[in-house]
Amino acid sequence: MSKFCQSCGFPMHKDKRGGGSNADSSVSSLYCSMCYVD
């Protein structure tokens, strides 16, 4: 997992959802949940 979101730089360890959600509902390890939804 990346330490920071590749889009906004948000610390991934502070993301309550653990990352954004991909189209297949898996968790993205590169983007935070605020930048990457579905």
PDB file of N, CA and C in Angstrom:
ATOM      1  N   MET A   1       0.839  -1.185   0.000  1.00  0.00           N
ATOM      2  CA  MET A   1       0.000   0.000   0.000  1.00  0.00           C
ATOM      3  C   MET A   1       0.879   1.242   0.000  1.00  0.00           C
ATOM      4  N   SER A   2       0.464   2.206  -0.788  1.00  0.00           N
ATOM      5  CA  SER A   2       1.151   3.487  -0.845  1.00  0.00           C
ATOM      6  C   SER A   2       0.907   4.241   0.462  1.00  0.00           C
ATOM      7  N   LYS A   3       1.876   5.029   0.908  1.00  0.00           N
ATOM      8  CA  LYS A   3       1.715   5.778   2.157  1.00  0.00           C
ATOM      9  C   LYS A   3       0.807   6.990   1.996  1.00  0.00           C
ATOM     10  N   PHE A   4       0.734   7.512   0.771  1.00  0.00           N
ATOM     11  CA  PHE A   4      -0.070   8.700   0.508  1.00  0.00           C
ATOM     12  C   PHE A   4      -0.897   8.495  -0.760  1.00  0.00           C
ATOM     13  N   CYS A   5      -2.059   9.122  -0.794  1.00  0.00           N
ATOM     14  CA  CYS A   5      -2.916   9.078  -1.978  1.00  0.00           C
ATOM     15  C   CYS A   5      -2.155   9.673  -3.162  1.00  0.00           C
ATOM     16  N   GLN A   6      -2.198   9.000  -4.300  1.00  0.00           N
ATOM     17  CA  GLN A   6      -1.475   9.461  -5.483  1.00  0.00           C
ATOM     18  C   GLN A   6      -2.129  10.673  -6.137  1.00  0.00           C
ATOM     19  N   SER A   7      -3.356  11.002  -5.743  1.00  0.00           N
ATOM     20  CA  SER A   7      -4.049  12.151  -6.319  1.00  0.00           C
ATOM     21  C   SER A   7      -3.921  13.402  -5.455  1.00  0.00           C
ATOM     22  N   CYS A   8      -4.241  13.284  -4.160  1.00  0.00           N
ATOM     23  CA  CYS A   8      -4.277  14.477  -3.301  1.00  0.00           C
ATOM     24  C   CYS A   8      -3.192  14.507  -2.231  1.00  0.00           C
ATOM     25  N   GLY A   9      -2.499  13.391  -2.008  1.00  0.00           N
ATOM     26  CA  GLY A   9      -1.435  13.356  -1.012  1.00  0.00           C
ATOM     27  C   GLY A   9      -1.899  13.072   0.403  1.00  0.00           C
ATOM     28  N   PHE A  10      -3.180  12.733   0.583  1.00  0.00           N
ATOM     29  CA  PHE A  10      -3.729  12.424   1.908  1.00  0.00           C
ATOM     30  C   PHE A  10      -3.045  11.170   2.462  1.00  0.00           C
ATOM     31  N   PRO A  11      -2.660  11.166   3.745  1.00  0.00           N
ATOM     32  CA  PRO A  11      -2.032   9.979   4.336  1.00  0.00           C
ATOM     33  C   PRO A  11      -3.004   8.796   4.352  1.00  0.00           C
ATOM     34  N   MET A  12      -2.630   7.705   3.712  1.00  0.00           N
ATOM     35  CA  MET A  12      -3.523   6.552   3.596  1.00  0.00           C
ATOM     36  C   MET A  12      -3.852   5.925   4.949  1.00  0.00           C
ATOM     37  N   HIS A  13      -2.953   6.028   5.928  1.00  0.00           N
ATOM     38  CA  HIS A  13      -3.236   5.433   7.237  1.00  0.00           C
ATOM     39  C   HIS A  13      -4.340   6.181   7.988  1.00  0.00           C
ATOM     40  N   LYS A  14      -4.681   7.380   7.536  1.00  0.00           N
ATOM     41  CA  LYS A  14      -5.764   8.146   8.163  1.00  0.00           C
ATOM     42  C   LYS A  14      -7.105   7.957   7.457  1.00  0.00           C
ATOM     43  N   ASP A  15      -7.098   7.270   6.325  1.00  0.00           N
ATOM     44  CA  ASP A  15      -8.336   7.030   5.578  1.00  0.00           C
ATOM     45  C   ASP A  15      -9.156   5.973   6.313  1.00  0.00           C
ATOM     46  N   LYS A  16     -10.334   6.348   6.766  1.00  0.00           N
ATOM     47  CA  LYS A  16     -11.174   5.441   7.554  1.00  0.00           C
ATOM     48  C   LYS A  16     -11.612   4.212   6.773  1.00  0.00           C
ATOM     49  N   ARG A  17     -11.686   4.329   5.458  1.00  0.00           N
ATOM     50  CA  ARG A  17     -12.102   3.197   4.622  1.00  0.00           C
ATOM     51  C   ARG A  17     -10.919   2.386   4.111  1.00  0.00           C
ATOM     52  N   GLY A  18      -9.717   2.854   4.357  1.00  0.00           N
ATOM     53  CA  GLY A  18      -8.527   2.123   3.933  1.00  0.00           C
ATOM     54  C   GLY A  18      -8.153   2.315   2.476  1.00  0.00           C
ATOM     55  N   GLY A  19      -8.870   3.174   1.772  1.00  0.00           N
ATOM     56  CA  GLY A  19      -8.604   3.444   0.362  1.00  0.00           C
ATOM     57  C   GLY A  19      -9.892   3.611  -0.406  1.00  0.00           C
ATOM     58  N   GLY A  20      -9.754   4.035  -1.628  1.00  0.00           N
ATOM     59  CA  GLY A  20     -10.925   4.205  -2.481  1.00  0.00           C
ATOM     60  C   GLY A  20     -11.469   2.871  -2.950  1.00  0.00           C
ATOM     61  N   SER A  21     -12.650   2.889  -3.540  1.00  0.00           N
ATOM     62  CA  SER A  21     -13.249   1.644  -4.027  1.00  0.00           C
ATOM     63  C   SER A  21     -13.175   1.568  -5.546  1.00  0.00           C
ATOM     64  N   ASN A  22     -12.700   0.430  -6.037  1.00  0.00           N
ATOM     65  CA  ASN A  22     -12.641   0.174  -7.471  1.00  0.00           C
ATOM     66  C   ASN A  22     -14.028  -0.208  -7.982  1.00  0.00           C
ATOM     67  N   ALA A  23     -14.181  -0.288  -9.283  1.00  0.00           N
ATOM     68  CA  ALA A  23     -15.469  -0.638  -9.892  1.00  0.00           C
ATOM     69  C   ALA A  23     -15.964  -2.008  -9.437  1.00  0.00           C
ATOM     70  N   ASP A  24     -15.032  -2.917  -9.126  1.00  0.00           N
ATOM     71  CA  ASP A  24     -15.425  -4.258  -8.676  1.00  0.00           C
ATOM     72  C   ASP A  24     -15.567  -4.347  -7.156  1.00  0.00           C
ATOM     73  N   SER A  25     -15.614  -3.208  -6.491  1.00  0.00           N
ATOM     74  CA  SER A  25     -15.775  -3.074  -5.032  1.00  0.00           C
ATOM     75  C   SER A  25     -14.536  -3.444  -4.228  1.00  0.00           C
ATOM     76  N   SER A  26     -13.421  -3.728  -4.885  1.00  0.00           N
ATOM     77  CA  SER A  26     -12.183  -3.968  -4.156  1.00  0.00           C
ATOM     78  C   SER A  26     -11.610  -2.620  -3.714  1.00  0.00           C
ATOM     79  N   VAL A  27     -10.706  -2.650  -2.752  1.00  0.00           N
ATOM     80  CA  VAL A  27     -10.130  -1.420  -2.203  1.00  0.00           C
ATOM     81  C   VAL A  27      -8.891  -1.018  -2.997  1.00  0.00           C
ATOM     82  N   SER A  28      -8.825   0.238  -3.369  1.00  0.00           N
ATOM     83  CA  SER A  28      -7.665   0.772  -4.082  1.00  0.00           C
ATOM     84  C   SER A  28      -6.574   1.106  -3.077  1.00  0.00           C
ATOM     85  N   SER A  29      -5.357   0.673  -3.357  1.00  0.00           N
ATOM     86  CA  SER A  29      -4.245   0.983  -2.460  1.00  0.00           C
ATOM     87  C   SER A  29      -3.478   2.224  -2.913  1.00  0.00           C
ATOM     88  N   LEU A  30      -3.873   2.818  -4.024  1.00  0.00           N
ATOM     89  CA  LEU A  30      -3.181   3.997  -4.537  1.00  0.00           C
ATOM     90  C   LEU A  30      -3.915   5.303  -4.271  1.00  0.00           C
ATOM     91  N   TYR A  31      -5.253   5.236  -4.138  1.00  0.00           N
ATOM     92  CA  TYR A  31      -6.058   6.442  -3.995  1.00  0.00           C
ATOM     93  C   TYR A  31      -6.947   6.368  -2.759  1.00  0.00           C
ATOM     94  N   CYS A  32      -7.129   7.497  -2.089  1.00  0.00           N
ATOM     95  CA  CYS A  32      -7.955   7.536  -0.883  1.00  0.00           C
ATOM     96  C   CYS A  32      -9.440   7.490  -1.238  1.00  0.00           C
ATOM     97  N   SER A  33     -10.268   7.286  -0.242  1.00  0.00           N
ATOM     98  CA  SER A  33     -11.711   7.159  -0.466  1.00  0.00           C
ATOM     99  C   SER A  33     -12.366   8.485  -0.852  1.00  0.00           C
ATOM    100  N   MET A  34     -11.680   9.591  -0.640  1.00  0.00           N
ATOM    101  CA  MET A  34     -12.235  10.891  -1.036  1.00  0.00           C
ATOM    102  C   MET A  34     -11.983  11.184  -2.516  1.00  0.00           C
ATOM    103  N   CYS A  35     -10.927  10.614  -3.078  1.00  0.00           N
ATOM    104  CA  CYS A  35     -10.584  10.859  -4.485  1.00  0.00           C
ATOM    105  C   CYS A  35     -11.114   9.778  -5.421  1.00  0.00           C
ATOM    106  N   TYR A  36     -11.246   8.561  -4.926  1.00  0.00           N
ATOM    107  CA  TYR A  36     -11.539   7.425  -5.804  1.00  0.00           C
ATOM    108  C   TYR A  36     -12.751   6.680  -5.281  1.00  0.00           C
ATOM    109  N   VAL A  37     -13.903   6.916  -5.903  1.00  0.00           N
ATOM    110  CA  VAL A  37     -15.143   6.263  -5.484  1.00  0.00           C
ATOM    111  C   VAL A  37     -15.721   5.535  -6.679  1.00  0.00           C
ATOM    112  N   ASP A  38     -15.977   4.235  -6.512  1.00  0.00           N
ATOM    113  CA  ASP A  38     -16.527   3.373  -7.570  1.00  0.00           C
ATOM    114  C   ASP A  38     -15.709   3.487  -8.823  1.00  0.00           C
TER     115      ASP A  38
END
